[in-house]
PDB file of N, CA and C in Angstrom:
ATOM      1  N   UNK A   1     -56.188 138.153  92.198  1.00  0.00           N
ATOM      2  CA  UNK A   1     -57.468 138.268  92.881  1.00  0.00           C
ATOM      3  C   UNK A   1     -57.490 137.287  94.064  1.00  0.00           C
ATOM      4  N   UNK A   2     -57.936 137.775  95.203  1.00  0.00           N
ATOM      5  CA  UNK A   2     -58.030 136.929  96.390  1.00  0.00           C
ATOM      6  C   UNK A   2     -59.243 136.104  96.302  1.00  0.00           C
ATOM      7  N   UNK A   3     -59.081 134.793  96.418  1.00  0.00           N
ATOM      8  CA  UNK A   3     -60.178 133.811  96.396  1.00  0.00           C
ATOM      9  C   UNK A   3     -60.481 133.388  97.817  1.00  0.00           C
ATOM     10  N   UNK A   4     -61.811 133.468  98.204  1.00  0.00           N
ATOM     11  CA  UNK A   4     -62.304 133.041  99.503  1.00  0.00           C
ATOM     12  C   UNK A   4     -63.357 131.982  99.303  1.00  0.00           C
ATOM     13  N   UNK A   5     -63.297 130.894 100.057  1.00  0.00           N
ATOM     14  CA  UNK A   5     -64.269 129.837  99.912  1.00  0.00           C
ATOM     15  C   UNK A   5     -65.027 129.588 101.192  1.00  0.00           C
ATOM     16  N   UNK A   6     -66.370 129.501 101.094  1.00  0.00           N
ATOM     17  CA  UNK A   6     -67.209 129.179 102.228  1.00  0.00           C
ATOM     18  C   UNK A   6     -67.680 127.764 101.913  1.00  0.00           C
ATOM     19  N   UNK A   7     -67.385 126.819 102.836  1.00  0.00           N
ATOM     20  CA  UNK A   7     -67.876 125.465 102.683  1.00  0.00           C
ATOM     21  C   UNK A   7     -69.240 125.333 103.291  1.00  0.00           C
ATOM     22  N   UNK A   8     -69.947 124.283 102.865  1.00  0.00           N
ATOM     23  CA  UNK A   8     -71.377 124.073 103.289  1.00  0.00           C
ATOM     24  C   UNK A   8     -71.530 124.086 104.797  1.00  0.00           C
ATOM     25  N   UNK A   9     -70.625 123.421 105.508  1.00  0.00           N
ATOM     26  CA  UNK A   9     -70.707 123.348 106.969  1.00  0.00           C
ATOM     27  C   UNK A   9     -70.360 124.654 107.660  1.00  0.00           C
ATOM     28  N   UNK A  10     -69.818 125.620 106.913  1.00  0.00           N
ATOM     29  CA  UNK A  10     -69.502 126.927 107.512  1.00  0.00           C
ATOM     30  C   UNK A  10     -70.437 128.009 107.117  1.00  0.00           C
ATOM     31  N   UNK A  11     -71.562 127.638 106.496  1.00  0.00           N
ATOM     32  CA  UNK A  11     -72.564 128.666 106.094  1.00  0.00           C
ATOM     33  C   UNK A  11     -73.508 128.993 107.259  1.00  0.00           C
ATOM     34  N   UNK A  12     -72.892 129.330 108.393  1.00  0.00           N
ATOM     35  CA  UNK A  12     -73.674 129.699 109.572  1.00  0.00           C
ATOM     36  C   UNK A  12     -73.038 130.924 110.287  1.00  0.00           C
ATOM     37  N   UNK A  13     -73.837 131.680 110.959  1.00  0.00           N
ATOM     38  CA  UNK A  13     -73.391 132.829 111.708  1.00  0.00           C
ATOM     39  C   UNK A  13     -72.957 132.384 113.082  1.00  0.00           C
ATOM     40  N   UNK A  14     -71.785 132.817 113.540  1.00  0.00           N
ATOM     41  CA  UNK A  14     -71.223 132.454 114.853  1.00  0.00           C
ATOM     42  C   UNK A  14     -71.339 133.688 115.744  1.00  0.00           C
ATOM     43  N   UNK A  15     -71.903 133.547 116.961  1.00  0.00           N
ATOM     44  CA  UNK A  15     -71.984 134.651 117.854  1.00  0.00           C
ATOM     45  C   UNK A  15     -70.908 134.428 118.989  1.00  0.00           C
ATOM     46  N   UNK A  16     -70.097 135.437 119.228  1.00  0.00           N
ATOM     47  CA  UNK A  16     -69.041 135.348 120.229  1.00  0.00           C
ATOM     48  C   UNK A  16     -69.286 136.489 121.212  1.00  0.00           C
ATOM     49  N   UNK A  17     -69.384 136.087 122.490  1.00  0.00           N
ATOM     50  CA  UNK A  17     -69.721 137.068 123.543  1.00  0.00           C
ATOM     51  C   UNK A  17     -68.555 137.287 124.476  1.00  0.00           C
ATOM     52  N   UNK A  18     -68.183 138.526 124.682  1.00  0.00           N
ATOM     53  CA  UNK A  18     -67.112 138.863 125.635  1.00  0.00           C
ATOM     54  C   UNK A  18     -67.809 139.453 126.877  1.00  0.00           C
ATOM     55  N   UNK A  19     -67.568 138.835 127.957  1.00  0.00           N
ATOM     56  CA  UNK A  19     -68.263 139.203 129.211  1.00  0.00           C
ATOM     57  C   UNK A  19     -67.716 140.558 129.701  1.00  0.00           C
ATOM     58  N   UNK A  20     -68.556 141.298 130.409  1.00  0.00           N
ATOM     59  CA  UNK A  20     -68.128 142.597 130.950  1.00  0.00           C
ATOM     60  C   UNK A  20     -67.090 142.347 132.047  1.00  0.00           C
ATOM     61  N   UNK A  21     -66.154 143.287 132.176  1.00  0.00           N
ATOM     62  CA  UNK A  21     -65.237 143.260 133.297  1.00  0.00           C
ATOM     63  C   UNK A  21     -64.777 144.635 133.626  1.00  0.00           C
ATOM     64  N   UNK A  22     -64.448 144.834 134.898  1.00  0.00           N
ATOM     65  CA  UNK A  22     -64.107 146.200 135.431  1.00  0.00           C
ATOM     66  C   UNK A  22     -65.256 147.111 135.094  1.00  0.00           C
ATOM     67  N   UNK A  23     -64.948 148.257 134.426  1.00  0.00           N
ATOM     68  CA  UNK A  23     -65.969 149.195 134.075  1.00  0.00           C
ATOM     69  C   UNK A  23     -66.370 149.126 132.607  1.00  0.00           C
ATOM     70  N   UNK A  24     -65.874 148.090 131.956  1.00  0.00           N
ATOM     71  CA  UNK A  24     -66.160 147.959 130.533  1.00  0.00           C
ATOM     72  C   UNK A  24     -67.371 147.015 130.282  1.00  0.00           C
ATOM     73  N   UNK A  25     -68.319 147.463 129.429  1.00  0.00           N
ATOM     74  CA  UNK A  25     -69.520 146.661 129.131  1.00  0.00           C
ATOM     75  C   UNK A  25     -69.086 145.404 128.274  1.00  0.00           C
ATOM     76  N   UNK A  26     -69.914 144.406 128.278  1.00  0.00           N
ATOM     77  CA  UNK A  26     -69.704 143.221 127.460  1.00  0.00           C
ATOM     78  C   UNK A  26     -69.963 143.555 125.976  1.00  0.00           C
ATOM     79  N   UNK A  27     -69.471 142.731 125.131  1.00  0.00           N
ATOM     80  CA  UNK A  27     -69.632 142.977 123.675  1.00  0.00           C
ATOM     81  C   UNK A  27     -69.984 141.624 123.014  1.00  0.00           C
ATOM     82  N   UNK A  28     -70.768 141.712 121.944  1.00  0.00           N
ATOM     83  CA  UNK A  28     -71.097 140.585 121.165  1.00  0.00           C
ATOM     84  C   UNK A  28     -70.574 140.764 119.738  1.00  0.00           C
ATOM     85  N   UNK A  29     -69.806 139.793 119.257  1.00  0.00           N
ATOM     86  CA  UNK A  29     -69.303 139.800 117.887  1.00  0.00           C
ATOM     87  C   UNK A  29     -69.936 138.703 117.055  1.00  0.00           C
ATOM     88  N   UNK A  30     -70.111 138.980 115.804  1.00  0.00           N
ATOM     89  CA  UNK A  30     -70.697 138.022 114.882  1.00  0.00           C
ATOM     90  C   UNK A  30     -69.675 137.720 113.761  1.00  0.00           C
ATOM     91  N   UNK A  31     -69.535 136.496 113.421  1.00  0.00           N
ATOM     92  CA  UNK A  31     -68.506 136.167 112.413  1.00  0.00           C
ATOM     93  C   UNK A  31     -68.899 134.853 111.690  1.00  0.00           C
ATOM     94  N   UNK A  32     -68.221 134.592 110.592  1.00  0.00           N
ATOM     95  CA  UNK A  32     -68.439 133.351 109.836  1.00  0.00           C
ATOM     96  C   UNK A  32     -67.095 132.873 109.414  1.00  0.00           C
ATOM     97  N   UNK A  33     -66.921 131.547 109.452  1.00  0.00           N
ATOM     98  CA  UNK A  33     -65.648 130.916 109.080  1.00  0.00           C
ATOM     99  C   UNK A  33     -65.644 130.758 107.566  1.00  0.00           C
ATOM    100  N   UNK A  34     -64.479 131.047 106.975  1.00  0.00           N
ATOM    101  CA  UNK A  34     -64.240 130.865 105.494  1.00  0.00           C
ATOM    102  C   UNK A  34     -62.775 130.542 105.377  1.00  0.00           C
ATOM    103  N   UNK A  35     -62.385 130.290 104.112  1.00  0.00           N
ATOM    104  CA  UNK A  35     -60.970 129.931 103.829  1.00  0.00           C
ATOM    105  C   UNK A  35     -60.434 130.834 102.682  1.00  0.00           C
ATOM    106  N   UNK A  36     -59.229 131.338 102.865  1.00  0.00           N
ATOM    107  CA  UNK A  36     -58.617 132.265 101.904  1.00  0.00           C
ATOM    108  C   UNK A  36     -57.490 131.464 101.199  1.00  0.00           C
ATOM    109  N   UNK A  37     -57.420 131.607  99.904  1.00  0.00           N
ATOM    110  CA  UNK A  37     -56.324 130.989  99.162  1.00  0.00           C
ATOM    111  C   UNK A  37     -55.241 132.061  98.966  1.00  0.00           C
ATOM    112  N   UNK A  38     -54.161 131.857  99.731  1.00  0.00           N
ATOM    113  CA  UNK A  38     -53.050 132.879  99.703  1.00  0.00           C
ATOM    114  C   UNK A  38     -51.852 132.467  98.946  1.00  0.00           C
ATOM    115  N   UNK A  39     -51.994 131.394  98.160  1.00  0.00           N
ATOM    116  CA  UNK A  39     -50.895 130.979  97.302  1.00  0.00           C
ATOM    117  C   UNK A  39     -50.117 129.765  97.867  1.00  0.00           C
ATOM    118  N   UNK A  40     -50.401 129.305  99.053  1.00  0.00           N
ATOM    119  CA  UNK A  40     -49.771 128.157  99.601  1.00  0.00           C
ATOM    120  C   UNK A  40     -50.426 126.882  99.118  1.00  0.00           C
ATOM    121  N   UNK A  41     -50.041 125.756  99.675  1.00  0.00           N
ATOM    122  CA  UNK A  41     -50.560 124.454  99.307  1.00  0.00           C
ATOM    123  C   UNK A  41     -52.033 124.312  99.730  1.00  0.00           C
ATOM    124  N   UNK A  42     -52.357 124.905 100.883  1.00  0.00           N
ATOM    125  CA  UNK A  42     -53.671 124.759 101.401  1.00  0.00           C
ATOM    126  C   UNK A  42     -54.320 126.142 101.704  1.00  0.00           C
ATOM    127  N   UNK A  43     -55.597 126.278 101.666  1.00  0.00           N
ATOM    128  CA  UNK A  43     -56.176 127.554 102.044  1.00  0.00           C
ATOM    129  C   UNK A  43     -56.072 127.764 103.598  1.00  0.00           C
ATOM    130  N   UNK A  44     -56.125 129.044 104.036  1.00  0.00           N
ATOM    131  CA  UNK A  44     -56.020 129.396 105.414  1.00  0.00           C
ATOM    132  C   UNK A  44     -57.358 129.784 105.937  1.00  0.00           C
ATOM    133  N   UNK A  45     -57.692 129.294 107.137  1.00  0.00           N
ATOM    134  CA  UNK A  45     -58.969 129.637 107.801  1.00  0.00           C
ATOM    135  C   UNK A  45     -58.979 131.044 108.216  1.00  0.00           C
ATOM    136  N   UNK A  46     -60.062 131.770 107.932  1.00  0.00           N
ATOM    137  CA  UNK A  46     -60.247 133.148 108.330  1.00  0.00           C
ATOM    138  C   UNK A  46     -61.603 133.285 108.939  1.00  0.00           C
ATOM    139  N   UNK A  47     -61.824 134.423 109.621  1.00  0.00           N
ATOM    140  CA  UNK A  47     -63.155 134.716 110.179  1.00  0.00           C
ATOM    141  C   UNK A  47     -63.617 135.987 109.508  1.00  0.00           C
ATOM    142  N   UNK A  48     -64.816 135.939 108.907  1.00  0.00           N
ATOM    143  CA  UNK A  48     -65.411 137.127 108.245  1.00  0.00           C
ATOM    144  C   UNK A  48     -66.207 137.851 109.302  1.00  0.00           C
ATOM    145  N   UNK A  49     -65.933 139.158 109.556  1.00  0.00           N
ATOM    146  CA  UNK A  49     -66.799 139.847 110.501  1.00  0.00           C
ATOM    147  C   UNK A  49     -68.198 140.051 109.887  1.00  0.00           C
ATOM    148  N   UNK A  50     -69.210 139.884 110.699  1.00  0.00           N
ATOM    149  CA  UNK A  50     -70.604 139.971 110.267  1.00  0.00           C
ATOM    150  C   UNK A  50     -71.390 140.931 111.192  1.00  0.00           C
ATOM    151  N   UNK A  51     -72.463 141.383 110.667  1.00  0.00           N
ATOM    152  CA  UNK A  51     -73.373 142.276 111.487  1.00  0.00           C
ATOM    153  C   UNK A  51     -74.466 141.438 112.152  1.00  0.00           C
ATOM    154  N   UNK A  52     -74.977 141.936 113.219  1.00  0.00           N
ATOM    155  CA  UNK A  52     -76.072 141.250 113.846  1.00  0.00           C
ATOM    156  C   UNK A  52     -77.264 141.165 112.893  1.00  0.00           C
ATOM    157  N   UNK A  53     -77.827 139.963 112.732  1.00  0.00           N
ATOM    158  CA  UNK A  53     -78.929 139.730 111.866  1.00  0.00           C
ATOM    159  C   UNK A  53     -78.580 139.522 110.384  1.00  0.00           C
ATOM    160  N   UNK A  54     -77.299 139.691 110.021  1.00  0.00           N
ATOM    161  CA  UNK A  54     -76.862 139.464 108.704  1.00  0.00           C
ATOM    162  C   UNK A  54     -76.984 138.021 108.308  1.00  0.00           C
ATOM    163  N   UNK A  55     -77.471 137.731 107.128  1.00  0.00           N
ATOM    164  CA  UNK A  55     -77.527 136.343 106.658  1.00  0.00           C
ATOM    165  C   UNK A  55     -76.157 135.823 106.400  1.00  0.00           C
ATOM    166  N   UNK A  56     -75.827 134.633 106.797  1.00  0.00           N
ATOM    167  CA  UNK A  56     -74.494 134.085 106.517  1.00  0.00           C
ATOM    168  C   UNK A  56     -74.342 133.844 105.019  1.00  0.00           C
ATOM    169  N   UNK A  57     -73.082 133.919 104.553  1.00  0.00           N
ATOM    170  CA  UNK A  57     -72.825 133.675 103.135  1.00  0.00           C
ATOM    171  C   UNK A  57     -73.023 132.199 102.827  1.00  0.00           C
ATOM    172  N   UNK A  58     -73.648 131.915 101.720  1.00  0.00           N
ATOM    173  CA  UNK A  58     -73.878 130.532 101.273  1.00  0.00           C
ATOM    174  C   UNK A  58     -72.583 129.894 100.851  1.00  0.00           C
ATOM    175  N   UNK A  59     -72.519 128.564 100.782  1.00  0.00           N
ATOM    176  CA  UNK A  59     -71.307 127.882 100.320  1.00  0.00           C
ATOM    177  C   UNK A  59     -70.988 128.329  98.915  1.00  0.00           C
ATOM    178  N   UNK A  60     -69.699 128.563  98.669  1.00  0.00           N
ATOM    179  CA  UNK A  60     -69.289 128.956  97.311  1.00  0.00           C
ATOM    180  C   UNK A  60     -68.015 129.734  97.305  1.00  0.00           C
ATOM    181  N   UNK A  61     -67.581 130.232  96.137  1.00  0.00           N
ATOM    182  CA  UNK A  61     -66.365 131.002  96.023  1.00  0.00           C
ATOM    183  C   UNK A  61     -66.728 132.489  95.953  1.00  0.00           C
ATOM    184  N   UNK A  62     -65.831 133.271  96.651  1.00  0.00           N
ATOM    185  CA  UNK A  62     -66.059 134.688  96.762  1.00  0.00           C
ATOM    186  C   UNK A  62     -64.737 135.470  96.603  1.00  0.00           C
ATOM    187  N   UNK A  63     -64.869 136.730  96.476  1.00  0.00           N
ATOM    188  CA  UNK A  63     -63.684 137.613  96.502  1.00  0.00           C
ATOM    189  C   UNK A  63     -64.135 138.873  97.266  1.00  0.00           C
ATOM    190  N   UNK A  64     -63.169 139.589  97.939  1.00  0.00           N
ATOM    191  CA  UNK A  64     -63.588 140.810  98.648  1.00  0.00           C
ATOM    192  C   UNK A  64     -64.185 141.840  97.724  1.00  0.00           C
ATOM    193  N   UNK A  65     -65.246 142.501  98.201  1.00  0.00           N
ATOM    194  CA  UNK A  65     -65.918 143.588  97.450  1.00  0.00           C
ATOM    195  C   UNK A  65     -64.974 144.811  97.508  1.00  0.00           C
ATOM    196  N   UNK A  66     -64.993 145.618  96.513  1.00  0.00           N
ATOM    197  CA  UNK A  66     -64.105 146.830  96.518  1.00  0.00           C
ATOM    198  C   UNK A  66     -64.363 147.792  97.696  1.00  0.00           C
ATOM    199  N   UNK A  67     -65.493 147.764  98.260  1.00  0.00           N
ATOM    200  CA  UNK A  67     -65.864 148.641  99.432  1.00  0.00           C
ATOM    201  C   UNK A  67     -65.176 148.112 100.718  1.00  0.00           C
ATOM    202  N   UNK A  68     -64.579 146.947 100.653  1.00  0.00           N
ATOM    203  CA  UNK A  68     -63.900 146.354 101.822  1.00  0.00           C
ATOM    204  C   UNK A  68     -62.482 146.854 102.007  1.00  0.00           C
ATOM    205  N   UNK A  69     -61.993 147.603 101.105  1.00  0.00           N
ATOM    206  CA  UNK A  69     -60.603 148.141 101.180  1.00  0.00           C
ATOM    207  C   UNK A  69     -60.596 149.621 101.621  1.00  0.00           C
ATOM    208  N   UNK A  70     -59.560 150.009 102.260  1.00  0.00           N
ATOM    209  CA  UNK A  70     -59.357 151.396 102.715  1.00  0.00           C
ATOM    210  C   UNK A  70     -57.877 151.748 102.564  1.00  0.00           C
ATOM    211  N   UNK A  71     -57.618 152.999 102.351  1.00  0.00           N
ATOM    212  CA  UNK A  71     -56.187 153.488 102.289  1.00  0.00           C
ATOM    213  C   UNK A  71     -55.889 153.935 103.690  1.00  0.00           C
ATOM    214  N   UNK A  72     -54.814 153.412 104.258  1.00  0.00           N
ATOM    215  CA  UNK A  72     -54.456 153.768 105.640  1.00  0.00           C
ATOM    216  C   UNK A  72     -53.697 155.098 105.750  1.00  0.00           C
ATOM    217  N   UNK A  73     -53.279 155.454 106.916  1.00  0.00           N
ATOM    218  CA  UNK A  73     -52.660 156.804 107.193  1.00  0.00           C
ATOM    219  C   UNK A  73     -51.301 156.890 106.467  1.00  0.00           C
ATOM    220  N   UNK A  74     -50.686 155.767 106.016  1.00  0.00           N
ATOM    221  CA  UNK A  74     -49.400 155.799 105.372  1.00  0.00           C
ATOM    222  C   UNK A  74     -49.499 155.600 103.900  1.00  0.00           C
ATOM    223  N   UNK A  75     -50.728 155.661 103.373  1.00  0.00           N
ATOM    224  CA  UNK A  75     -50.962 155.498 101.903  1.00  0.00           C
ATOM    225  C   UNK A  75     -51.057 154.088 101.453  1.00  0.00           C
ATOM    226  N   UNK A  76     -51.011 153.124 102.390  1.00  0.00           N
ATOM    227  CA  UNK A  76     -51.081 151.712 101.981  1.00  0.00           C
ATOM    228  C   UNK A  76     -52.510 151.197 101.925  1.00  0.00           C
ATOM    229  N   UNK A  77     -52.666 150.175 101.098  1.00  0.00           N
ATOM    230  CA  UNK A  77     -54.003 149.584 100.929  1.00  0.00           C
ATOM    231  C   UNK A  77     -54.158 148.462 101.955  1.00  0.00           C
ATOM    232  N   UNK A  78     -55.322 148.428 102.659  1.00  0.00           N
ATOM    233  CA  UNK A  78     -55.577 147.339 103.589  1.00  0.00           C
ATOM    234  C   UNK A  78     -57.077 147.040 103.598  1.00  0.00           C
ATOM    235  N   UNK A  79     -57.399 145.851 104.164  1.00  0.00           N
ATOM    236  CA  UNK A  79     -58.799 145.570 104.342  1.00  0.00           C
ATOM    237  C   UNK A  79     -59.341 146.252 105.562  1.00  0.00           C
ATOM    238  N   UNK A  80     -60.596 146.707 105.513  1.00  0.00           N
ATOM    239  CA  UNK A  80     -61.264 147.307 106.675  1.00  0.00           C
ATOM    240  C   UNK A  80     -61.345 146.292 107.785  1.00  0.00           C
ATOM    241  N   UNK A  81     -61.230 146.775 108.982  1.00  0.00           N
ATOM    242  CA  UNK A  81     -61.359 145.897 110.151  1.00  0.00           C
ATOM    243  C   UNK A  81     -62.817 145.430 110.270  1.00  0.00           C
ATOM    244  N   UNK A  82     -63.705 146.389 110.111  1.00  0.00           N
ATOM    245  CA  UNK A  82     -65.205 146.115 110.194  1.00  0.00           C
ATOM    246  C   UNK A  82     -65.868 146.566 108.859  1.00  0.00           C
ATOM    247  N   UNK A  83     -66.972 145.919 108.554  1.00  0.00           N
ATOM    248  CA  UNK A  83     -67.670 146.285 107.406  1.00  0.00           C
ATOM    249  C   UNK A  83     -67.178 145.673 106.117  1.00  0.00           C
ATOM    250  N   UNK A  84     -66.431 144.570 106.238  1.00  0.00           N
ATOM    251  CA  UNK A  84     -65.994 143.837 105.069  1.00  0.00           C
ATOM    252  C   UNK A  84     -67.154 143.102 104.422  1.00  0.00           C
ATOM    253  N   UNK A  85     -67.152 143.122 103.070  1.00  0.00           N
ATOM    254  CA  UNK A  85     -68.151 142.395 102.313  1.00  0.00           C
ATOM    255  C   UNK A  85     -67.443 141.508 101.325  1.00  0.00           C
ATOM    256  N   UNK A  86     -68.023 140.388 100.980  1.00  0.00           N
ATOM    257  CA  UNK A  86     -67.490 139.572  99.931  1.00  0.00           C
ATOM    258  C   UNK A  86     -68.545 139.414  98.855  1.00  0.00           C
ATOM    259  N   UNK A  87     -68.102 139.213  97.603  1.00  0.00           N
ATOM    260  CA  UNK A  87     -69.053 139.038  96.533  1.00  0.00           C
ATOM    261  C   UNK A  87     -68.770 137.697  95.798  1.00  0.00           C
ATOM    262  N   UNK A  88     -69.735 137.081  95.202  1.00  0.00           N
ATOM    263  CA  UNK A  88     -69.463 135.818  94.476  1.00  0.00           C
ATOM    264  C   UNK A  88     -68.382 136.023  93.440  1.00  0.00           C
ATOM    265  N   UNK A  89     -67.552 135.033  93.334  1.00  0.00           N
ATOM    266  CA  UNK A  89     -66.434 135.042  92.373  1.00  0.00           C
ATOM    267  C   UNK A  89     -67.019 134.583  91.049  1.00  0.00           C
ATOM    268  N   UNK A  90     -66.810 135.411  89.998  1.00  0.00           N
ATOM    269  CA  UNK A  90     -67.275 135.061  88.625  1.00  0.00           C
ATOM    270  C   UNK A  90     -66.517 133.880  88.107  1.00  0.00           C
ATOM    271  N   UNK A  91     -67.106 133.059  87.378  1.00  0.00           N
ATOM    272  CA  UNK A  91     -66.423 131.905  86.798  1.00  0.00           C
ATOM    273  C   UNK A  91     -65.319 132.373  85.879  1.00  0.00           C
ATOM    274  N   UNK A  92     -64.130 131.763  85.984  1.00  0.00           N
ATOM    275  CA  UNK A  92     -63.012 132.098  85.190  1.00  0.00           C
ATOM    276  C   UNK A  92     -63.186 131.444  83.807  1.00  0.00           C
ATOM    277  N   UNK A  93     -62.937 132.172  82.731  1.00  0.00           N
ATOM    278  CA  UNK A  93     -63.088 131.628  81.415  1.00  0.00           C
ATOM    279  C   UNK A  93     -61.890 130.839  80.976  1.00  0.00           C
TER     280      UNK A  93
END
């Protein structure tokens, strides 16, 4: 199971704006910093894609929600690029 941690100082929504150029309109992205435990000595910093107006995840331990996965064109399992959700990680017994 993939473990994701949100620290207290990262429980905020970050707005990233890409300015328009040429004929392309500008875009605004929303994200939140978290850390994924991938089996190494230290967790790896990741950015969780968020929706405009979405409340940031509170500090705590999470795991990806099953709706965050998709089967790609080659039959492989991967995380969705957009629309990812995480859910609180239940305490291990």
